Amino acid sequence: MSKLHRSFLLVIGAAVCVLQWTSVAGAQDLTATITIRPGSPSVAVVEGKFAAHAVQRELHFLDSFGSVSGLARRISNVRMIGSTGKSINVPKGESGRYTANEDIATWSYSVDISPLKDRFAAAHTTWSNSEGGVIVPDDILPQSNGIGRSAKLAFNLPENWAVSTSERAVQTRVYEVTDLEKAVFYASSANRTRTIRTGGAEIVLSISGKWHFTDDEAAEMAASVMSEYERIFGSVPAKKVSIAIMAFPDQVPTGHWEAGSRGSSITIVSSDTPFKSQSLQRLHEQFRHEIFHIWIPNGIKLTGNYDWFYEGFALYQSLKVGVAVNRIRFDDMLETLSRAYDIGGARSEASLIELSRRRWMGANTQIYA
């Protein structure tokens, strides 16, 4: 999500948060199979149906996320079968909406999951190439019309692709998902996966590509940061955490990275740095920030647009932990606070809530400050 050297923070004088770690239970609202064939890794075929209690007459898809727009345009070859078993004429509406004149029993469509040019997309949306990729169900499965978004998902993937996720497996490559908006799956032929246990959680760490740091060093860092936040908060909102570290799907100059967190899944997409010391320092920074998000905001329920709160809070706490474990100097923290103060003092008259609405239209740095 954030980068210490590009983003700045909010100094919170005093705050008391009542945290309620949340979970969702109940029958699945839909079942679906996601197929990626060996010869066509950038195309996903999705077939599924709504549960009896969640039958709908419309398929519509997420069209934007963060700085990425036009996601619904990736959908094609939509087919819908009605309750009578006959095909339904599929008129396309605006923004990726497909409306039927009767209940939809089953549906299928194709999704172009070629990597997008926007680097932000690599850590936040679905993409795949010949070696694998990231599957974010929220942007390739139908959105809800006032109905829950739990699902039973099956994956039909190339045999040599391994799947890593924090979702519960019920069979081989079949998972129960309590909230499609928070789920992420990592599929790759090159994943090196290991399981790390901390005091209250299990971390599934998936690494692909070559890095200056070793897999052991990454695993030790992830465990130490997770343990530190467990100590600070006193409990964990998720018993299983999935972390994936991978290279950008396209050539990107050294020193660039994007990271995102959904539910209990963390995605870090990166190019390496020139030196090992830089690579280790940056990885620890990424872990400190993104693992914090498992608690805030992912582990609590708030309403409204509150990016201004949790991103500044995450960066502030990340710096405090960095100082506490001797990864950064106290002077480094003060320097970042000073930069944030300067940016905060120069910000527009817009409220923090309004800036949150405009986060992806140029207000991102102000949000962190």
Protein backbone atom coordinates (compact mmCIF):
# COMPACT_ATOMS: atom_id res chain seq x y z
CA MET A 1 0.00 0.00 0.00
CA SER A 2 2.36 2.70 1.15
CA LYS A 3 6.05 3.41 0.67
CA LEU A 4 7.99 5.02 3.51
CA HIS A 5 10.01 7.24 1.21
CA ARG A 6 7.01 8.34 -0.87
CA SER A 7 4.29 8.59 1.73
CA PHE A 8 3.92 10.42 4.98
CA LEU A 9 2.04 9.99 8.18
CA LEU A 10 -0.45 11.43 10.59
CA VAL A 11 0.70 11.95 14.14
CA ILE A 12 -2.10 10.79 16.38
CA GLY A 13 -1.90 12.43 19.80
CA ALA A 14 -4.19 9.91 21.49
CA ALA A 15 -6.64 7.40 20.12
CA VAL A 16 -8.60 4.57 21.63
CA CYS A 17 -9.91 1.93 19.22
CA VAL A 18 -12.40 -0.72 20.21
CA LEU A 19 -11.44 -3.60 17.94
CA GLN A 20 -13.84 -6.34 17.02
CA TRP A 21 -12.29 -9.10 14.95
CA THR A 22 -14.98 -10.17 12.53
CA SER A 23 -16.02 -13.32 10.72
CA VAL A 24 -18.87 -14.39 8.51
CA ALA A 25 -20.68 -17.70 8.58
CA GLY A 26 -23.50 -19.38 6.71
CA ALA A 27 -24.29 -21.16 3.46
CA GLN A 28 -22.43 -20.03 0.36
CA ASP A 29 -24.18 -17.48 -1.84
CA LEU A 30 -22.63 -18.85 -5.03
CA THR A 31 -20.46 -21.66 -6.34
CA ALA A 32 -18.02 -21.18 -9.19
CA THR A 33 -15.19 -22.85 -11.08
CA ILE A 34 -12.31 -20.72 -12.37
CA THR A 35 -10.40 -22.34 -15.23
CA ILE A 36 -7.03 -21.24 -16.62
CA ARG A 37 -5.73 -23.52 -19.36
CA PRO A 38 -2.00 -24.15 -19.94
CA GLY A 39 -2.07 -22.73 -23.47
CA SER A 40 -4.05 -19.60 -22.50
CA PRO A 41 -2.71 -18.34 -19.16
CA SER A 42 -4.10 -14.83 -19.66
CA VAL A 43 -7.72 -15.98 -20.05
CA ALA A 44 -9.89 -17.22 -17.19
CA VAL A 45 -13.17 -19.03 -17.89
CA VAL A 46 -15.64 -18.67 -15.01
CA GLU A 47 -18.68 -20.92 -14.63
CA GLY A 48 -21.07 -20.78 -11.71
CA LYS A 49 -24.49 -20.46 -10.17
CA PHE A 50 -26.18 -18.58 -7.37
CA ALA A 51 -27.52 -20.44 -4.35
CA ALA A 52 -31.31 -20.83 -4.08
CA HIS A 53 -31.52 -18.04 -1.48
CA ALA A 54 -29.39 -15.72 -3.62
CA VAL A 55 -30.90 -16.06 -7.11
CA GLN A 56 -30.55 -12.89 -9.17
CA ARG A 57 -31.56 -11.51 -12.54
CA GLU A 58 -28.41 -9.56 -13.19
CA LEU A 59 -24.69 -10.12 -13.48
CA HIS A 60 -22.60 -7.05 -12.86
CA PHE A 61 -18.89 -6.71 -12.24
CA LEU A 62 -16.46 -4.47 -10.40
CA ASP A 63 -15.27 -1.79 -12.82
CA SER A 64 -12.66 0.08 -10.78
CA PHE A 65 -10.38 -0.41 -7.83
CA GLY A 66 -8.02 2.27 -6.57
CA SER A 67 -6.30 3.85 -9.56
CA VAL A 68 -7.39 1.05 -11.91
CA SER A 69 -10.54 1.49 -14.02
CA GLY A 70 -12.20 -0.43 -16.85
CA LEU A 71 -12.02 -3.81 -15.11
CA ALA A 72 -15.50 -4.80 -16.31
CA ARG A 73 -14.36 -4.43 -19.93
CA ARG A 74 -12.31 -7.59 -19.47
CA ILE A 75 -15.52 -9.68 -19.37
CA SER A 76 -16.70 -11.33 -22.61
CA ASN A 77 -18.63 -14.34 -23.97
CA VAL A 78 -21.31 -14.05 -21.28
CA ARG A 79 -23.87 -16.88 -21.26
CA MET A 80 -26.80 -17.24 -18.88
CA ILE A 81 -29.18 -20.17 -18.45
CA GLY A 82 -32.59 -19.60 -16.92
CA SER A 83 -34.52 -21.77 -14.48
CA THR A 84 -36.24 -23.50 -17.42
CA GLY A 85 -32.88 -24.70 -18.73
CA LYS A 86 -32.98 -22.45 -21.78
CA SER A 87 -30.42 -19.83 -22.75
CA ILE A 88 -31.24 -16.25 -21.85
CA ASN A 89 -30.64 -13.42 -24.27
CA VAL A 90 -27.77 -11.37 -22.85
CA PRO A 91 -28.21 -7.64 -23.38
CA LYS A 92 -25.26 -5.70 -21.97
CA GLY A 93 -26.04 -2.58 -19.99
CA GLU A 94 -23.72 0.10 -18.70
CA SER A 95 -20.57 -0.57 -16.67
CA GLY A 96 -20.50 -4.31 -17.21
CA ARG A 97 -24.12 -5.07 -16.25
CA TYR A 98 -25.94 -7.98 -17.88
CA THR A 99 -29.65 -8.07 -17.04
CA ALA A 100 -32.03 -11.00 -17.67
CA ASN A 101 -35.83 -11.03 -17.73
CA GLU A 102 -35.96 -14.15 -15.55
CA ASP A 103 -34.00 -15.77 -12.74
CA ILE A 104 -30.49 -16.85 -13.71
CA ALA A 105 -29.83 -20.51 -12.91
CA THR A 106 -26.25 -20.77 -14.18
CA TRP A 107 -23.79 -18.48 -15.92
CA SER A 108 -20.41 -18.50 -17.64
CA TYR A 109 -18.06 -15.96 -19.19
CA SER A 110 -14.43 -15.31 -20.09
CA VAL A 111 -12.12 -12.79 -18.42
CA ASP A 112 -9.02 -11.27 -20.00
CA ILE A 113 -6.54 -11.45 -17.12
CA SER A 114 -3.50 -10.18 -18.99
CA PRO A 115 -1.31 -8.05 -16.69
CA LEU A 116 -2.40 -4.41 -16.79
CA LYS A 117 0.08 -1.60 -17.47
CA ASP A 118 -0.72 0.20 -14.22
CA ARG A 119 1.85 -1.08 -11.68
CA PHE A 120 -0.66 -0.58 -8.88
CA ALA A 121 -2.83 -3.26 -10.52
CA ALA A 122 -0.19 -5.97 -10.07
CA ALA A 123 -0.72 -6.06 -6.28
CA HIS A 124 -4.47 -5.38 -6.22
CA THR A 125 -6.23 -7.03 -9.18
CA THR A 126 -6.34 -10.36 -10.99
CA TRP A 127 -3.60 -11.12 -13.53
CA SER A 128 -1.79 -14.13 -14.92
CA ASN A 129 1.00 -15.04 -17.30
CA SER A 130 2.73 -18.29 -18.25
CA GLU A 131 4.27 -18.68 -14.78
CA GLY A 132 1.15 -17.90 -12.76
CA GLY A 133 -0.29 -14.85 -11.08
CA VAL A 134 -2.80 -13.39 -8.62
CA ILE A 135 -6.49 -14.27 -8.55
CA VAL A 136 -8.71 -11.73 -6.77
CA PRO A 137 -12.27 -13.13 -6.86
CA ASP A 138 -13.79 -9.71 -6.17
CA ASP A 139 -12.88 -8.41 -9.64
CA ILE A 140 -13.75 -11.50 -11.72
CA LEU A 141 -16.89 -12.81 -9.96
CA PRO A 142 -20.33 -11.14 -10.00
CA GLN A 143 -20.95 -8.40 -7.48
CA SER A 144 -23.81 -8.66 -4.99
CA ASN A 145 -27.28 -7.17 -5.36
CA GLY A 146 -28.02 -6.82 -1.67
CA ILE A 147 -26.98 -10.45 -1.03
CA GLY A 148 -23.94 -11.76 0.82
CA ARG A 149 -20.75 -12.69 -0.98
CA SER A 150 -19.69 -16.04 0.38
CA ALA A 151 -18.71 -18.73 -2.12
CA LYS A 152 -17.40 -22.18 -2.79
CA LEU A 153 -14.65 -21.84 -5.39
CA ALA A 154 -12.96 -24.57 -7.41
CA PHE A 155 -9.85 -23.97 -9.50
CA ASN A 156 -9.00 -25.81 -12.70
CA LEU A 157 -5.40 -24.76 -13.33
CA PRO A 158 -2.29 -26.12 -15.05
CA GLU A 159 -1.07 -29.17 -13.11
CA ASN A 160 2.28 -27.65 -12.19
CA TRP A 161 0.70 -24.55 -10.63
CA ALA A 162 0.49 -24.56 -6.85
CA VAL A 163 -2.21 -22.54 -5.07
CA SER A 164 -1.57 -20.56 -1.90
CA THR A 165 -4.26 -18.75 0.09
CA SER A 166 -5.57 -18.08 3.59
CA GLU A 167 -9.01 -19.37 2.61
CA ARG A 168 -10.18 -22.75 3.92
CA ALA A 169 -9.56 -25.72 1.62
CA VAL A 170 -12.33 -28.35 1.61
CA GLN A 171 -10.91 -30.46 -1.22
CA THR A 172 -7.94 -30.28 -3.55
CA ARG A 173 -8.13 -26.83 -5.17
CA VAL A 174 -11.62 -26.26 -3.73
CA TYR A 175 -12.12 -23.55 -1.11
CA GLU A 176 -14.85 -22.06 1.04
CA VAL A 177 -14.71 -18.26 1.02
CA THR A 178 -16.63 -16.27 3.62
CA ASP A 179 -16.16 -12.88 1.90
CA LEU A 180 -15.18 -12.61 -1.77
CA GLU A 181 -14.09 -9.01 -1.32
CA LYS A 182 -11.33 -10.09 1.05
CA ALA A 183 -10.09 -13.27 -0.65
CA VAL A 184 -6.89 -13.64 -2.69
CA PHE A 185 -5.35 -16.71 -4.32
CA TYR A 186 -1.77 -17.03 -5.56
CA ALA A 187 -1.16 -19.57 -8.32
CA SER A 188 2.25 -20.26 -9.77
CA SER A 189 4.58 -22.90 -11.13
CA ALA A 190 7.50 -21.22 -9.35
CA ASN A 191 6.17 -20.70 -5.80
CA ARG A 192 8.34 -21.69 -2.86
CA THR A 193 5.92 -22.05 0.02
CA ARG A 194 6.54 -22.50 3.73
CA THR A 195 4.35 -22.37 6.82
CA ILE A 196 5.43 -20.34 9.85
CA ARG A 197 3.67 -20.44 13.22
CA THR A 198 3.62 -17.52 15.63
CA GLY A 199 1.88 -17.27 18.98
CA GLY A 200 -1.67 -17.07 17.61
CA ALA A 201 -1.43 -17.35 13.84
CA GLU A 202 -0.16 -19.47 10.98
CA ILE A 203 1.60 -17.64 8.15
CA VAL A 204 1.69 -19.22 4.71
CA LEU A 205 4.58 -17.50 2.94
CA SER A 206 4.80 -17.90 -0.83
CA ILE A 207 7.88 -16.60 -2.66
CA SER A 208 8.70 -16.70 -6.36
CA GLY A 209 11.63 -15.19 -8.23
CA LYS A 210 15.22 -14.42 -7.20
CA TRP A 211 15.96 -11.86 -4.50
CA HIS A 212 18.96 -10.61 -2.57
CA PHE A 213 17.34 -11.90 0.62
CA THR A 214 16.92 -15.62 1.24
CA ASP A 215 13.62 -17.41 1.85
CA ASP A 216 14.76 -18.06 5.43
CA GLU A 217 15.43 -14.36 6.00
CA ALA A 218 11.98 -13.45 4.65
CA ALA A 219 10.30 -16.09 6.82
CA GLU A 220 12.12 -14.91 9.94
CA MET A 221 11.15 -11.28 9.26
CA ALA A 222 7.47 -12.11 8.66
CA ALA A 223 7.28 -14.13 11.87
CA SER A 224 9.00 -11.47 13.98
CA VAL A 225 6.79 -8.64 12.71
CA MET A 226 3.62 -10.72 13.14
CA SER A 227 4.66 -11.65 16.68
CA GLU A 228 5.34 -8.01 17.56
CA TYR A 229 1.87 -6.92 16.44
CA GLU A 230 0.31 -9.86 18.29
CA ARG A 231 2.06 -8.60 21.41
CA ILE A 232 0.86 -5.01 20.84
CA PHE A 233 -2.77 -5.87 20.11
CA GLY A 234 -3.06 -8.86 22.44
CA SER A 235 -4.89 -11.07 19.94
CA VAL A 236 -5.11 -11.86 16.23
CA PRO A 237 -8.08 -11.20 13.91
CA ALA A 238 -7.11 -14.11 11.63
CA LYS A 239 -5.69 -17.49 12.54
CA LYS A 240 -4.21 -17.96 9.05
CA VAL A 241 -2.35 -15.27 7.11
CA SER A 242 -1.19 -15.58 3.51
CA ILE A 243 1.78 -13.54 2.25
CA ALA A 244 3.04 -13.64 -1.33
CA ILE A 245 6.25 -12.06 -2.65
CA MET A 246 6.64 -11.98 -6.42
CA ALA A 247 8.16 -10.02 -9.27
CA PHE A 248 6.20 -7.64 -11.48
CA PRO A 249 4.71 -9.48 -14.48
CA ASP A 250 6.48 -7.01 -16.81
CA GLN A 251 9.97 -5.53 -16.81
CA VAL A 252 10.20 -2.81 -14.15
CA PRO A 253 13.33 -0.85 -13.14
CA THR A 254 14.99 -1.72 -9.82
CA GLY A 255 13.64 -0.19 -6.66
CA HIS A 256 9.90 -0.22 -7.51
CA TRP A 257 7.21 -2.08 -5.61
CA GLU A 258 3.51 -2.25 -4.90
CA ALA A 259 1.79 -3.96 -2.00
CA GLY A 260 -1.77 -4.58 -0.96
CA SER A 261 -3.69 -6.29 1.82
CA ARG A 262 -7.15 -7.87 1.65
CA GLY A 263 -8.56 -9.62 4.66
CA SER A 264 -5.70 -11.81 5.89
CA SER A 265 -3.84 -11.86 2.55
CA ILE A 266 -0.83 -9.67 1.73
CA THR A 267 0.51 -9.26 -1.81
CA ILE A 268 3.96 -7.76 -2.43
CA VAL A 269 4.93 -7.27 -6.07
CA SER A 270 8.39 -5.88 -6.58
CA SER A 271 11.60 -5.42 -8.47
CA ASP A 272 14.69 -5.96 -6.36
CA THR A 273 17.12 -3.30 -5.15
CA PRO A 274 20.80 -3.08 -6.17
CA PHE A 275 22.15 -4.24 -2.78
CA LYS A 276 21.18 -6.85 -0.20
CA SER A 277 21.10 -4.37 2.69
CA GLN A 278 18.54 -2.26 0.80
CA SER A 279 16.52 -5.34 -0.12
CA LEU A 280 16.32 -6.52 3.50
CA GLN A 281 15.44 -3.06 4.80
CA ARG A 282 12.68 -2.59 2.27
CA LEU A 283 11.19 -6.05 2.89
CA HIS A 284 11.03 -5.35 6.62
CA GLU A 285 9.32 -2.02 5.90
CA GLN A 286 6.78 -3.75 3.67
CA PHE A 287 6.04 -6.38 6.31
CA ARG A 288 5.67 -3.78 9.09
CA HIS A 289 3.12 -1.78 7.13
CA GLU A 290 1.10 -4.52 5.45
CA ILE A 291 0.91 -6.91 8.42
CA PHE A 292 -0.46 -4.02 10.51
CA HIS A 293 -3.36 -3.81 8.03
CA ILE A 294 -4.48 -7.30 9.05
CA TRP A 295 -5.63 -5.64 12.27
CA ILE A 296 -6.51 -2.17 10.95
CA PRO A 297 -8.58 -1.81 8.85
CA ASN A 298 -9.05 -5.43 7.74
CA GLY A 299 -9.87 -6.83 11.17
CA ILE A 300 -12.44 -4.27 12.28
CA LYS A 301 -15.80 -3.00 11.07
CA LEU A 302 -16.06 0.70 10.36
CA THR A 303 -18.49 2.52 8.09
CA GLY A 304 -17.76 5.38 5.74
CA ASN A 305 -14.56 6.46 4.05
CA TYR A 306 -11.73 6.39 6.57
CA ASP A 307 -8.55 5.93 4.51
CA TRP A 308 -7.20 9.11 6.14
CA PHE A 309 -7.19 7.30 9.47
CA TYR A 310 -5.88 3.83 8.80
CA GLU A 311 -3.10 4.65 6.33
CA GLY A 312 -1.59 7.34 8.54
CA PHE A 313 -2.00 5.06 11.55
CA ALA A 314 -0.35 2.14 9.72
CA LEU A 315 2.67 4.19 8.69
CA TYR A 316 3.05 5.71 12.16
CA GLN A 317 2.91 2.32 13.86
CA SER A 318 5.24 0.83 11.25
CA LEU A 319 7.83 3.47 12.10
CA LYS A 320 7.43 2.86 15.84
CA VAL A 321 7.95 -0.88 15.36
CA GLY A 322 10.92 -0.19 13.08
CA VAL A 323 12.57 1.81 15.87
CA ALA A 324 11.63 -0.74 18.54
CA VAL A 325 13.31 -3.63 16.69
CA ASN A 326 16.32 -1.53 15.62
CA ARG A 327 15.50 -1.55 11.91
CA ILE A 328 15.44 2.24 11.65
CA ARG A 329 16.84 5.02 13.86
CA PHE A 330 14.67 7.26 15.99
CA ASP A 331 16.11 10.15 13.92
CA ASP A 332 14.66 8.51 10.78
CA MET A 333 11.24 8.45 12.39
CA LEU A 334 11.51 12.11 13.41
CA GLU A 335 12.58 13.08 9.89
CA THR A 336 9.50 11.41 8.44
CA LEU A 337 7.29 13.10 11.04
CA SER A 338 8.79 16.44 10.02
CA ARG A 339 8.05 15.85 6.34
CA ALA A 340 4.50 14.85 7.21
CA TYR A 341 4.06 18.01 9.27
CA ASP A 342 5.20 20.14 6.34
CA ILE A 343 2.84 18.41 3.91
CA GLY A 344 -0.05 18.50 6.38
CA GLY A 345 0.44 22.23 6.90
CA ALA A 346 0.42 22.87 3.16
CA ARG A 347 -2.63 20.75 2.35
CA SER A 348 -5.77 22.14 0.80
CA GLU A 349 -8.81 23.25 2.78
CA ALA A 350 -10.58 20.02 1.87
CA SER A 351 -11.59 17.85 4.81
CA LEU A 352 -9.78 14.57 5.44
CA ILE A 353 -12.94 12.70 4.46
CA GLU A 354 -13.07 14.57 1.15
CA LEU A 355 -9.37 13.87 0.58
CA SER A 356 -10.11 10.18 1.16
CA ARG A 357 -12.70 10.29 -1.61
CA ARG A 358 -10.06 11.84 -3.87
CA ARG A 359 -7.29 9.47 -2.82
CA TRP A 360 -6.81 8.00 -6.29
CA MET A 361 -7.11 11.39 -7.99
CA GLY A 362 -3.91 12.87 -6.64
CA ALA A 363 -4.60 13.10 -2.89
CA ASN A 364 -2.73 9.94 -1.83
CA THR A 365 0.28 11.70 -0.28
CA GLN A 366 -1.98 14.10 1.63
CA ILE A 367 -3.92 11.12 2.98
CA TYR A 368 -0.78 9.68 4.54
CA ALA A 369 0.35 13.08 5.85
